[in-house]
N, C-alpha and C. Protein backbone atom coordinates (compact mmCIF):
# COMPACT_ATOMS: atom_id res chain seq x y z
N MET A 1 0.85 -1.17 0.00
CA MET A 1 0.00 0.00 0.00
C MET A 1 0.90 1.23 0.00
N ALA A 2 0.50 2.20 -0.76
CA ALA A 2 1.27 3.45 -0.85
C ALA A 2 1.21 4.19 0.48
N HIS A 3 2.26 4.95 0.74
CA HIS A 3 2.38 5.69 1.99
C HIS A 3 2.96 7.05 1.65
N ARG A 4 2.37 8.09 2.16
CA ARG A 4 2.88 9.43 1.91
C ARG A 4 2.63 10.30 3.13
N ILE A 5 3.64 11.04 3.55
CA ILE A 5 3.51 11.97 4.67
C ILE A 5 3.28 13.36 4.09
N VAL A 6 2.23 14.01 4.55
CA VAL A 6 1.91 15.36 4.12
C VAL A 6 2.16 16.27 5.31
N ALA A 7 3.27 17.00 5.28
CA ALA A 7 3.67 17.82 6.41
C ALA A 7 3.66 19.31 6.10
N THR A 8 3.64 19.68 4.83
CA THR A 8 3.68 21.09 4.45
C THR A 8 2.59 21.38 3.42
N GLU A 9 2.37 22.65 3.17
CA GLU A 9 1.40 23.02 2.13
C GLU A 9 1.85 22.51 0.76
N TYR A 10 3.15 22.53 0.51
CA TYR A 10 3.69 22.00 -0.74
C TYR A 10 3.36 20.51 -0.87
N ASP A 11 3.56 19.75 0.22
CA ASP A 11 3.23 18.33 0.22
C ASP A 11 1.75 18.12 -0.07
N ARG A 12 0.90 18.96 0.54
CA ARG A 12 -0.54 18.83 0.32
C ARG A 12 -0.89 19.08 -1.14
N ALA A 13 -0.31 20.12 -1.73
CA ALA A 13 -0.59 20.44 -3.14
C ALA A 13 -0.11 19.31 -4.05
N ALA A 14 1.06 18.77 -3.77
CA ALA A 14 1.59 17.67 -4.58
C ALA A 14 0.71 16.43 -4.45
N PHE A 15 0.22 16.16 -3.24
CA PHE A 15 -0.65 15.02 -3.05
C PHE A 15 -1.97 15.20 -3.78
N MET A 16 -2.52 16.40 -3.71
CA MET A 16 -3.79 16.68 -4.41
C MET A 16 -3.60 16.52 -5.92
N GLN A 17 -2.46 16.94 -6.44
CA GLN A 17 -2.17 16.76 -7.85
C GLN A 17 -2.13 15.27 -8.20
N LEU A 18 -1.50 14.49 -7.36
CA LEU A 18 -1.43 13.04 -7.56
C LEU A 18 -2.83 12.44 -7.56
N VAL A 19 -3.67 12.86 -6.63
CA VAL A 19 -5.03 12.33 -6.52
C VAL A 19 -5.84 12.67 -7.76
N ARG A 20 -5.71 13.89 -8.25
CA ARG A 20 -6.45 14.29 -9.45
C ARG A 20 -6.11 13.41 -10.65
N GLY A 21 -4.88 12.90 -10.70
CA GLY A 21 -4.47 12.09 -11.83
C GLY A 21 -4.77 10.60 -11.69
N MET A 22 -5.35 10.18 -10.57
CA MET A 22 -5.62 8.76 -10.35
C MET A 22 -6.89 8.31 -11.04
N LYS A 23 -6.85 7.08 -11.53
CA LYS A 23 -8.03 6.46 -12.13
C LYS A 23 -8.99 6.06 -11.02
N LEU A 24 -10.25 6.39 -11.18
CA LEU A 24 -11.26 6.06 -10.18
C LEU A 24 -11.81 4.66 -10.42
N PRO A 25 -12.26 3.96 -9.43
CA PRO A 25 -12.34 4.34 -8.02
C PRO A 25 -11.01 4.14 -7.32
N VAL A 26 -10.85 4.83 -6.21
CA VAL A 26 -9.65 4.72 -5.38
C VAL A 26 -10.08 4.89 -3.92
N THR A 27 -9.37 4.22 -3.02
CA THR A 27 -9.66 4.31 -1.59
C THR A 27 -8.45 4.89 -0.88
N PHE A 28 -8.70 5.80 0.07
CA PHE A 28 -7.63 6.40 0.85
C PHE A 28 -7.85 6.11 2.32
N GLU A 29 -6.76 5.95 3.03
CA GLU A 29 -6.77 5.88 4.49
C GLU A 29 -5.75 6.89 4.97
N TRP A 30 -6.00 7.54 6.10
CA TRP A 30 -5.02 8.46 6.63
C TRP A 30 -5.00 8.38 8.14
N GLN A 31 -3.93 8.88 8.68
CA GLN A 31 -3.75 8.91 10.12
C GLN A 31 -3.20 10.28 10.48
N GLN A 32 -3.86 10.91 11.45
CA GLN A 32 -3.43 12.23 11.89
C GLN A 32 -2.12 12.12 12.66
N GLY A 33 -1.25 13.06 12.48
CA GLY A 33 0.01 13.08 13.20
C GLY A 33 1.16 12.73 12.28
N ARG A 34 2.35 12.89 12.80
CA ARG A 34 3.52 12.56 12.00
C ARG A 34 4.30 11.46 12.69
N ASP A 35 5.10 10.76 11.90
CA ASP A 35 5.94 9.71 12.47
C ASP A 35 6.93 10.31 13.44
N ARG A 36 7.41 9.48 14.32
CA ARG A 36 8.43 9.96 15.25
C ARG A 36 9.56 10.60 14.46
N SER A 37 10.22 11.54 15.06
CA SER A 37 11.27 12.24 14.33
C SER A 37 12.59 11.47 14.41
N LEU A 38 13.45 11.74 13.48
CA LEU A 38 14.77 11.12 13.49
C LEU A 38 15.56 11.53 14.73
N ASP A 39 15.37 12.78 15.17
CA ASP A 39 16.04 13.25 16.39
C ASP A 39 15.57 12.46 17.61
N GLN A 40 14.27 12.18 17.67
CA GLN A 40 13.76 11.38 18.79
C GLN A 40 14.37 9.97 18.74
N ASN A 41 14.45 9.42 17.56
CA ASN A 41 15.00 8.08 17.40
C ASN A 41 16.48 8.05 17.82
N ARG A 42 17.25 9.03 17.38
CA ARG A 42 18.66 9.11 17.76
C ARG A 42 18.82 9.26 19.28
N LEU A 43 17.95 10.06 19.88
CA LEU A 43 18.01 10.27 21.32
C LEU A 43 17.75 8.95 22.06
N GLN A 44 16.77 8.19 21.61
CA GLN A 44 16.47 6.90 22.23
C GLN A 44 17.69 5.97 22.19
N PHE A 45 18.36 5.90 21.04
CA PHE A 45 19.54 5.04 20.92
C PHE A 45 20.68 5.54 21.80
N LEU A 46 20.87 6.86 21.87
CA LEU A 46 21.90 7.44 22.73
C LEU A 46 21.62 7.09 24.19
N TRP A 47 20.37 7.29 24.62
CA TRP A 47 20.02 7.00 26.00
C TRP A 47 20.19 5.51 26.32
N ALA A 48 19.86 4.64 25.41
CA ALA A 48 20.02 3.19 25.64
C ALA A 48 21.51 2.87 25.84
N ARG A 49 22.35 3.48 25.04
CA ARG A 49 23.80 3.26 25.20
C ARG A 49 24.28 3.79 26.55
N GLU A 50 23.83 4.99 26.91
CA GLU A 50 24.24 5.58 28.18
C GLU A 50 23.75 4.73 29.36
N ALA A 51 22.50 4.30 29.31
CA ALA A 51 21.96 3.48 30.40
C ALA A 51 22.70 2.15 30.48
N SER A 52 23.00 1.56 29.35
CA SER A 52 23.73 0.30 29.32
C SER A 52 25.11 0.45 29.94
N GLU A 53 25.81 1.50 29.58
CA GLU A 53 27.16 1.73 30.11
C GLU A 53 27.12 1.95 31.61
N GLN A 54 26.13 2.68 32.10
CA GLN A 54 26.07 2.97 33.53
C GLN A 54 25.59 1.77 34.34
N ARG A 55 24.70 0.97 33.76
CA ARG A 55 24.24 -0.23 34.46
C ARG A 55 25.32 -1.31 34.46
N GLY A 56 25.94 -1.50 33.31
CA GLY A 56 27.03 -2.46 33.21
C GLY A 56 26.61 -3.92 33.14
N ASP A 57 25.32 -4.21 33.22
CA ASP A 57 24.87 -5.60 33.21
C ASP A 57 24.09 -5.99 31.96
N VAL A 58 23.90 -5.05 31.04
CA VAL A 58 23.13 -5.31 29.82
C VAL A 58 23.71 -4.50 28.66
N THR A 59 23.38 -4.94 27.46
CA THR A 59 23.79 -4.20 26.26
C THR A 59 22.77 -3.10 25.98
N ALA A 60 23.12 -2.19 25.11
CA ALA A 60 22.20 -1.13 24.72
C ALA A 60 20.95 -1.73 24.06
N ASP A 61 21.12 -2.78 23.27
CA ASP A 61 19.98 -3.42 22.63
C ASP A 61 19.05 -4.05 23.67
N GLU A 62 19.61 -4.63 24.70
CA GLU A 62 18.78 -5.21 25.76
C GLU A 62 18.01 -4.12 26.51
N VAL A 63 18.65 -2.98 26.73
CA VAL A 63 17.97 -1.85 27.37
C VAL A 63 16.80 -1.40 26.50
N ARG A 64 17.04 -1.25 25.21
CA ARG A 64 15.96 -0.84 24.30
C ARG A 64 14.80 -1.83 24.33
N CYS A 65 15.12 -3.12 24.36
CA CYS A 65 14.06 -4.13 24.41
C CYS A 65 13.26 -4.01 25.71
N GLU A 66 13.95 -3.80 26.83
CA GLU A 66 13.24 -3.59 28.10
C GLU A 66 12.33 -2.38 28.00
N TRP A 67 12.86 -1.27 27.48
CA TRP A 67 12.05 -0.05 27.37
C TRP A 67 10.86 -0.26 26.45
N LYS A 68 11.09 -0.92 25.32
CA LYS A 68 9.98 -1.17 24.39
C LYS A 68 8.88 -1.97 25.08
N LEU A 69 9.28 -3.01 25.82
CA LEU A 69 8.30 -3.88 26.47
C LEU A 69 7.60 -3.17 27.62
N ILE A 70 8.35 -2.52 28.48
CA ILE A 70 7.79 -1.93 29.70
C ILE A 70 7.10 -0.59 29.45
N HIS A 71 7.63 0.21 28.53
CA HIS A 71 7.07 1.56 28.33
C HIS A 71 6.36 1.72 26.98
N GLY A 72 6.92 1.14 25.92
CA GLY A 72 6.33 1.33 24.59
C GLY A 72 5.06 0.53 24.38
N VAL A 73 5.06 -0.72 24.82
CA VAL A 73 3.89 -1.57 24.64
C VAL A 73 2.64 -0.97 25.29
N PRO A 74 2.73 -0.47 26.55
CA PRO A 74 1.52 0.12 27.14
C PRO A 74 0.96 1.30 26.33
N ILE A 75 1.84 2.10 25.77
CA ILE A 75 1.39 3.25 24.97
C ILE A 75 0.64 2.76 23.75
N LEU A 76 1.20 1.80 23.02
CA LEU A 76 0.54 1.30 21.82
C LEU A 76 -0.71 0.50 22.15
N ARG A 77 -0.70 -0.29 23.23
CA ARG A 77 -1.89 -1.04 23.63
C ARG A 77 -3.03 -0.09 23.97
N GLU A 78 -2.71 1.03 24.60
CA GLU A 78 -3.72 2.00 24.99
C GLU A 78 -4.35 2.68 23.77
N GLU A 79 -3.55 2.93 22.75
CA GLU A 79 -4.00 3.76 21.65
C GLU A 79 -4.34 3.01 20.37
N SER A 80 -4.01 1.71 20.31
CA SER A 80 -4.28 0.95 19.08
C SER A 80 -4.93 -0.38 19.42
N GLU A 81 -6.20 -0.49 19.09
CA GLU A 81 -6.91 -1.74 19.35
C GLU A 81 -6.27 -2.89 18.57
N GLU A 82 -5.84 -2.64 17.34
CA GLU A 82 -5.21 -3.68 16.53
C GLU A 82 -3.92 -4.19 17.20
N PHE A 83 -3.08 -3.27 17.65
CA PHE A 83 -1.84 -3.67 18.33
C PHE A 83 -2.18 -4.46 19.59
N ARG A 84 -3.15 -3.96 20.37
CA ARG A 84 -3.53 -4.63 21.62
C ARG A 84 -3.99 -6.06 21.36
N LEU A 85 -4.84 -6.26 20.37
CA LEU A 85 -5.35 -7.60 20.07
C LEU A 85 -4.23 -8.55 19.66
N ILE A 86 -3.34 -8.09 18.80
CA ILE A 86 -2.23 -8.94 18.33
C ILE A 86 -1.27 -9.22 19.48
N TYR A 87 -0.88 -8.18 20.21
CA TYR A 87 0.06 -8.35 21.32
C TYR A 87 -0.53 -9.30 22.37
N ASP A 88 -1.79 -9.07 22.73
CA ASP A 88 -2.41 -9.87 23.79
C ASP A 88 -2.52 -11.34 23.40
N ALA A 89 -2.75 -11.61 22.13
CA ALA A 89 -2.88 -13.00 21.68
C ALA A 89 -1.53 -13.69 21.53
N ALA A 90 -0.55 -12.98 21.00
CA ALA A 90 0.71 -13.64 20.63
C ALA A 90 1.85 -13.46 21.63
N ILE A 91 1.92 -12.33 22.31
CA ILE A 91 3.09 -12.03 23.13
C ILE A 91 2.77 -12.03 24.63
N LYS A 92 1.67 -11.46 25.01
CA LYS A 92 1.34 -11.32 26.42
C LYS A 92 1.41 -12.64 27.21
N PRO A 93 0.98 -13.77 26.64
CA PRO A 93 1.03 -15.03 27.41
C PRO A 93 2.45 -15.56 27.66
N LEU A 94 3.45 -15.03 26.96
CA LEU A 94 4.81 -15.55 27.09
C LEU A 94 5.45 -15.15 28.41
N PRO A 95 6.39 -15.95 28.91
CA PRO A 95 7.18 -15.53 30.07
C PRO A 95 8.00 -14.28 29.72
N TYR A 96 8.38 -13.53 30.74
CA TYR A 96 9.09 -12.26 30.56
C TYR A 96 10.31 -12.39 29.64
N GLU A 97 11.16 -13.38 29.89
CA GLU A 97 12.39 -13.52 29.09
C GLU A 97 12.07 -13.76 27.61
N GLN A 98 11.04 -14.51 27.31
CA GLN A 98 10.66 -14.75 25.92
C GLN A 98 10.08 -13.48 25.29
N LYS A 99 9.37 -12.69 26.10
CA LYS A 99 8.87 -11.41 25.60
C LYS A 99 10.03 -10.51 25.20
N LEU A 100 11.08 -10.48 26.04
CA LEU A 100 12.24 -9.65 25.72
C LEU A 100 12.90 -10.10 24.42
N LEU A 101 12.97 -11.40 24.19
CA LEU A 101 13.55 -11.89 22.94
C LEU A 101 12.65 -11.54 21.76
N ALA A 102 11.35 -11.72 21.92
CA ALA A 102 10.41 -11.46 20.83
C ALA A 102 10.32 -9.97 20.47
N ILE A 103 10.41 -9.12 21.48
CA ILE A 103 10.20 -7.68 21.26
C ILE A 103 11.26 -7.08 20.34
N ARG A 104 12.40 -7.76 20.21
CA ARG A 104 13.44 -7.30 19.26
C ARG A 104 12.90 -7.22 17.83
N PHE A 105 11.95 -8.12 17.53
CA PHE A 105 11.46 -8.26 16.16
C PHE A 105 10.07 -7.67 15.97
N ILE A 106 9.55 -7.04 16.99
CA ILE A 106 8.21 -6.46 16.92
C ILE A 106 8.33 -4.95 16.87
N PRO A 107 7.77 -4.33 15.84
CA PRO A 107 7.83 -2.87 15.77
C PRO A 107 7.02 -2.25 16.91
N VAL A 108 7.66 -1.44 17.69
CA VAL A 108 6.98 -0.72 18.76
C VAL A 108 7.22 0.77 18.53
N THR A 109 8.44 1.24 18.77
CA THR A 109 8.70 2.67 18.61
C THR A 109 8.57 3.11 17.15
N SER A 110 8.84 2.21 16.22
CA SER A 110 8.71 2.59 14.81
C SER A 110 7.25 2.79 14.41
N GLU A 111 6.32 2.32 15.23
CA GLU A 111 4.89 2.53 14.98
C GLU A 111 4.37 3.81 15.62
N MET A 112 5.20 4.43 16.44
CA MET A 112 4.75 5.61 17.19
C MET A 112 4.74 6.88 16.37
N LYS A 113 3.79 7.71 16.69
CA LYS A 113 3.75 9.08 16.17
C LYS A 113 4.50 9.96 17.18
N VAL A 114 4.72 11.20 16.81
CA VAL A 114 5.51 12.11 17.65
C VAL A 114 4.98 12.20 19.08
N PRO A 115 3.68 12.42 19.30
CA PRO A 115 3.22 12.52 20.69
C PRO A 115 3.44 11.24 21.50
N GLN A 116 3.29 10.09 20.87
CA GLN A 116 3.54 8.82 21.55
C GLN A 116 5.02 8.69 21.91
N MET A 117 5.88 9.09 20.98
CA MET A 117 7.32 9.01 21.24
C MET A 117 7.73 9.97 22.34
N VAL A 118 7.07 11.12 22.42
CA VAL A 118 7.33 12.07 23.52
C VAL A 118 7.00 11.40 24.85
N ARG A 119 5.83 10.77 24.94
CA ARG A 119 5.44 10.06 26.16
C ARG A 119 6.46 8.99 26.51
N TYR A 120 6.88 8.23 25.51
CA TYR A 120 7.83 7.14 25.69
C TYR A 120 9.16 7.67 26.24
N LEU A 121 9.71 8.70 25.60
CA LEU A 121 10.98 9.26 26.04
C LEU A 121 10.87 9.92 27.41
N ASP A 122 9.75 10.60 27.67
CA ASP A 122 9.55 11.21 28.99
C ASP A 122 9.56 10.15 30.08
N THR A 123 8.89 9.03 29.83
CA THR A 123 8.83 7.95 30.81
C THR A 123 10.21 7.36 31.06
N ILE A 124 10.96 7.15 29.99
CA ILE A 124 12.32 6.62 30.12
C ILE A 124 13.19 7.59 30.92
N GLN A 125 13.07 8.86 30.62
CA GLN A 125 13.88 9.86 31.32
C GLN A 125 13.56 9.86 32.82
N ARG A 126 12.28 9.78 33.17
CA ARG A 126 11.90 9.73 34.59
C ARG A 126 12.42 8.46 35.25
N GLU A 127 12.28 7.33 34.59
CA GLU A 127 12.73 6.06 35.15
C GLU A 127 14.24 6.09 35.40
N CYS A 128 14.97 6.55 34.42
CA CYS A 128 16.44 6.58 34.58
C CYS A 128 16.85 7.53 35.69
N ALA A 129 16.20 8.67 35.79
CA ALA A 129 16.51 9.62 36.86
C ALA A 129 16.27 8.97 38.22
N ALA A 130 15.16 8.23 38.34
CA ALA A 130 14.84 7.56 39.60
C ALA A 130 15.87 6.48 39.94
N GLN A 131 16.49 5.89 38.92
CA GLN A 131 17.49 4.85 39.13
C GLN A 131 18.91 5.41 39.25
N GLY A 132 19.03 6.74 39.15
CA GLY A 132 20.35 7.36 39.25
C GLY A 132 21.15 7.28 37.97
N ILE A 133 20.50 6.99 36.86
CA ILE A 133 21.17 6.92 35.56
C ILE A 133 21.09 8.29 34.91
N ARG A 134 22.26 8.84 34.58
CA ARG A 134 22.32 10.16 33.97
C ARG A 134 22.23 10.03 32.46
N LEU A 135 21.27 10.74 31.88
CA LEU A 135 21.08 10.73 30.43
C LEU A 135 21.40 12.11 29.87
N THR A 136 21.87 12.14 28.65
CA THR A 136 22.12 13.39 27.95
C THR A 136 20.79 14.12 27.78
N ASP A 137 20.78 15.41 28.14
CA ASP A 137 19.58 16.21 27.90
C ASP A 137 19.43 16.44 26.41
N PRO A 138 18.19 16.35 25.91
CA PRO A 138 18.01 16.65 24.48
C PRO A 138 18.39 18.09 24.21
N ASP A 139 18.89 18.35 23.00
CA ASP A 139 19.26 19.72 22.68
C ASP A 139 18.01 20.61 22.73
N GLY A 140 18.23 21.89 22.82
CA GLY A 140 17.14 22.85 22.98
C GLY A 140 16.08 22.75 21.91
N GLU A 141 16.51 22.55 20.67
CA GLU A 141 15.55 22.47 19.58
C GLU A 141 14.65 21.24 19.72
N LEU A 142 15.24 20.08 20.02
CA LEU A 142 14.44 18.88 20.20
C LEU A 142 13.55 19.01 21.43
N ALA A 143 14.07 19.58 22.50
CA ALA A 143 13.27 19.75 23.71
C ALA A 143 12.05 20.62 23.46
N SER A 144 12.22 21.71 22.72
CA SER A 144 11.06 22.58 22.44
C SER A 144 10.10 21.90 21.47
N TYR A 145 10.64 21.12 20.54
CA TYR A 145 9.81 20.36 19.60
C TYR A 145 8.94 19.37 20.37
N GLN A 146 9.55 18.65 21.32
CA GLN A 146 8.81 17.67 22.10
C GLN A 146 7.79 18.36 23.00
N ALA A 147 8.14 19.53 23.53
CA ALA A 147 7.22 20.25 24.42
C ALA A 147 5.93 20.59 23.69
N ARG A 148 6.00 20.87 22.40
CA ARG A 148 4.80 21.18 21.62
C ARG A 148 3.85 19.99 21.58
N TYR A 149 4.39 18.79 21.64
CA TYR A 149 3.57 17.59 21.52
C TYR A 149 3.22 16.96 22.87
N ARG A 150 3.80 17.46 23.92
CA ARG A 150 3.58 16.88 25.24
C ARG A 150 2.12 17.12 25.64
N ALA A 151 1.45 16.09 26.01
CA ALA A 151 0.04 16.20 26.40
C ALA A 151 -0.05 16.82 27.80
N SER A 152 -1.12 17.53 28.03
CA SER A 152 -1.29 18.18 29.33
C SER A 152 -1.83 17.21 30.37
N ASP A 153 -2.47 16.13 29.92
CA ASP A 153 -3.01 15.20 30.90
C ASP A 153 -1.98 14.14 31.28
N GLU A 154 -2.23 13.46 32.38
CA GLU A 154 -1.33 12.41 32.86
C GLU A 154 -1.52 11.17 32.02
N HIS A 155 -0.44 10.41 31.86
CA HIS A 155 -0.47 9.18 31.11
C HIS A 155 -0.13 8.02 32.03
N PRO A 156 -0.48 6.79 31.61
CA PRO A 156 -0.23 5.64 32.46
C PRO A 156 1.24 5.55 32.87
N GLN A 157 1.44 5.40 34.14
CA GLN A 157 2.78 5.23 34.67
C GLN A 157 2.70 4.21 35.79
N GLY A 158 3.82 3.76 36.22
CA GLY A 158 3.89 2.87 37.37
C GLY A 158 3.02 1.64 37.20
N GLU A 159 2.20 1.35 38.20
CA GLU A 159 1.39 0.14 38.19
C GLU A 159 0.42 0.12 37.03
N ASN A 160 -0.13 1.29 36.67
CA ASN A 160 -1.07 1.34 35.56
C ASN A 160 -0.39 0.95 34.26
N ALA A 161 0.83 1.42 34.04
CA ALA A 161 1.57 1.05 32.83
C ALA A 161 1.86 -0.44 32.82
N LYS A 162 2.21 -1.00 33.97
CA LYS A 162 2.46 -2.43 34.05
C LYS A 162 1.19 -3.20 33.70
N ARG A 163 0.04 -2.71 34.18
CA ARG A 163 -1.22 -3.36 33.89
C ARG A 163 -1.50 -3.33 32.39
N LEU A 164 -1.24 -2.19 31.76
CA LEU A 164 -1.51 -2.06 30.34
C LEU A 164 -0.61 -2.95 29.49
N SER A 165 0.63 -3.15 29.89
CA SER A 165 1.53 -4.00 29.11
C SER A 165 1.37 -5.45 29.48
N GLY A 166 0.71 -5.69 30.62
CA GLY A 166 0.59 -7.05 31.10
C GLY A 166 1.90 -7.55 31.65
N GLU A 167 2.81 -6.65 31.94
CA GLU A 167 4.15 -7.06 32.36
C GLU A 167 4.68 -6.12 33.42
N ALA A 168 5.29 -6.69 34.41
CA ALA A 168 6.03 -5.91 35.39
C ALA A 168 7.50 -6.23 35.18
N MET A 169 8.32 -5.20 35.13
CA MET A 169 9.74 -5.43 34.90
C MET A 169 10.34 -6.03 36.16
N PRO A 170 11.07 -7.15 36.02
CA PRO A 170 11.72 -7.73 37.19
C PRO A 170 12.70 -6.74 37.80
N ALA A 171 12.91 -6.90 39.08
CA ALA A 171 13.88 -6.05 39.77
C ALA A 171 15.25 -6.26 39.14
N ARG A 172 16.09 -5.26 39.25
CA ARG A 172 17.42 -5.30 38.63
C ARG A 172 18.21 -6.53 39.10
N SER A 173 18.10 -6.86 40.38
CA SER A 173 18.83 -8.02 40.89
C SER A 173 18.31 -9.31 40.27
N GLU A 174 17.01 -9.37 40.02
CA GLU A 174 16.42 -10.55 39.38
C GLU A 174 16.89 -10.65 37.94
N ARG A 175 16.98 -9.51 37.23
CA ARG A 175 17.46 -9.53 35.85
C ARG A 175 18.90 -10.00 35.81
N ARG A 176 19.72 -9.53 36.77
CA ARG A 176 21.12 -9.96 36.82
C ARG A 176 21.21 -11.46 37.08
N ALA A 177 20.37 -11.97 37.97
CA ALA A 177 20.40 -13.40 38.28
C ALA A 177 20.00 -14.21 37.05
N ARG A 178 19.00 -13.74 36.31
CA ARG A 178 18.61 -14.43 35.08
C ARG A 178 19.73 -14.44 34.06
N THR A 179 20.39 -13.28 33.94
CA THR A 179 21.49 -13.16 32.99
C THR A 179 22.64 -14.10 33.40
N ALA A 180 22.96 -14.12 34.67
CA ALA A 180 24.05 -14.96 35.15
C ALA A 180 23.75 -16.44 34.96
N SER A 181 22.47 -16.81 35.06
CA SER A 181 22.12 -18.23 34.91
C SER A 181 21.93 -18.61 33.45
N GLY A 182 22.06 -17.62 32.55
CA GLY A 182 21.91 -17.89 31.11
C GLY A 182 20.48 -17.84 30.63
N ALA A 183 19.54 -17.44 31.49
CA ALA A 183 18.13 -17.42 31.11
C ALA A 183 17.82 -16.37 30.06
N SER A 184 18.66 -15.35 29.92
CA SER A 184 18.35 -14.29 28.97
C SER A 184 18.83 -14.62 27.56
N GLN A 185 19.47 -15.79 27.39
CA GLN A 185 20.00 -16.13 26.07
C GLN A 185 19.02 -16.89 25.24
């Protein structure tokens, strides 16, 4: 299926020109919002590397998988019935370690729009601060960009987020014990 992002008036005019030239009948689907930004994506990878280095017990990829499972899944389950149905049927019944392995291959953050990615990054930043993990502050331009999309209402956090993902993240000591016993492989 064709995919096109319309972000400017020029994009809109070009799309309308394309539509005028199409043979009828034709069906369109659209979704309000824009895909997560490249800057948001780079920041997520930077933070995963920083958290991994400071924790010392996991790789950056493992950190990203934890974040996707614990923080990203609840956001998508809350906002997408299709994602919730598929996740609940195929992934939710699995044990935690298998979920972590599976989540590597399941699009989570790549499915997010900018406001969802803002929520995701905000949650990660709060979690890391609470754990004493220092993350690079986003540059001023990205911070102001994210502030425009930040919702004024509260979003699921803590126990509510765990309920939405169907998963509670094991304590750090439990994750280390699993890793040491080879359970994470």
